[in-house]
Amino acid sequence: MSQSVYLSLLNNLTVKKPNTNYPIPKIPQSAHALKDLQFS
């Protein structure tokens, strides 16, 4: 997955689903973990 696509997906999650059952800071944390798996 390219970084631009990855960031686009993350932006879509943040913009389209601002009200989630989990705190917003948890999104970048989870995304960072996925990024480590993808690019490591």
C-alpha atoms as a PDB file:
ATOM      1  CA  MET A   1       0.000   0.000   0.000  1.00  0.00           C
ATOM      2  CA  SER A   2       1.430   3.350  -1.025  1.00  0.00           C
ATOM      3  CA  GLN A   3       1.707   6.034   1.638  1.00  0.00           C
ATOM      4  CA  SER A   4      -0.528   8.430  -0.315  1.00  0.00           C
ATOM      5  CA  VAL A   5      -3.329   5.865  -0.508  1.00  0.00           C
ATOM      6  CA  TYR A   6      -2.809   5.019   3.142  1.00  0.00           C
ATOM      7  CA  LEU A   7      -3.090   8.665   4.168  1.00  0.00           C
ATOM      8  CA  SER A   8      -6.138   9.076   1.940  1.00  0.00           C
ATOM      9  CA  LEU A   9      -7.862   6.168   3.678  1.00  0.00           C
ATOM     10  CA  LEU A  10      -6.962   7.602   7.070  1.00  0.00           C
ATOM     11  CA  ASN A  11      -8.340  10.996   6.055  1.00  0.00           C
ATOM     12  CA  ASN A  12     -11.549   9.355   4.864  1.00  0.00           C
ATOM     13  CA  LEU A  13     -11.975   7.623   8.213  1.00  0.00           C
ATOM     14  CA  THR A  14     -11.401  10.864  10.084  1.00  0.00           C
ATOM     15  CA  VAL A  15     -13.670  12.995   7.901  1.00  0.00           C
ATOM     16  CA  LYS A  16     -16.507  10.573   7.203  1.00  0.00           C
ATOM     17  CA  LYS A  17     -16.650   9.006  10.662  1.00  0.00           C
ATOM     18  CA  PRO A  18     -15.844  11.788  13.163  1.00  0.00           C
ATOM     19  CA  ASN A  19     -18.161  10.302  15.792  1.00  0.00           C
ATOM     20  CA  THR A  20     -16.844   6.839  16.610  1.00  0.00           C
ATOM     21  CA  ASN A  21     -17.148   4.472  19.554  1.00  0.00           C
ATOM     22  CA  TYR A  22     -13.439   4.886  20.236  1.00  0.00           C
ATOM     23  CA  PRO A  23     -11.388   8.064  20.802  1.00  0.00           C
ATOM     24  CA  ILE A  24      -9.956   9.817  17.738  1.00  0.00           C
ATOM     25  CA  PRO A  25      -6.338   9.458  19.017  1.00  0.00           C
ATOM     26  CA  LYS A  26      -6.763   5.690  18.763  1.00  0.00           C
ATOM     27  CA  ILE A  27      -7.045   5.970  14.963  1.00  0.00           C
ATOM     28  CA  PRO A  28      -3.465   7.164  14.326  1.00  0.00           C
ATOM     29  CA  GLN A  29      -2.146   4.682  16.879  1.00  0.00           C
ATOM     30  CA  SER A  30      -3.841   1.768  15.114  1.00  0.00           C
ATOM     31  CA  ALA A  31      -2.839   3.184  11.738  1.00  0.00           C
ATOM     32  CA  HIS A  32       0.775   3.468  12.898  1.00  0.00           C
ATOM     33  CA  ALA A  33       0.761  -0.195  13.897  1.00  0.00           C
ATOM     34  CA  LEU A  34      -0.632  -1.166  10.481  1.00  0.00           C
ATOM     35  CA  LYS A  35       1.957   1.043   8.797  1.00  0.00           C
ATOM     36  CA  ASP A  36       4.742  -0.774  10.694  1.00  0.00           C
ATOM     37  CA  LEU A  37       3.386  -4.099   9.467  1.00  0.00           C
ATOM     38  CA  GLN A  38       3.128  -2.868   5.867  1.00  0.00           C
ATOM     39  CA  PHE A  39       6.524  -1.175   5.547  1.00  0.00           C
ATOM     40  CA  SER A  40       8.724  -3.136   7.948  1.00  0.00           C
END
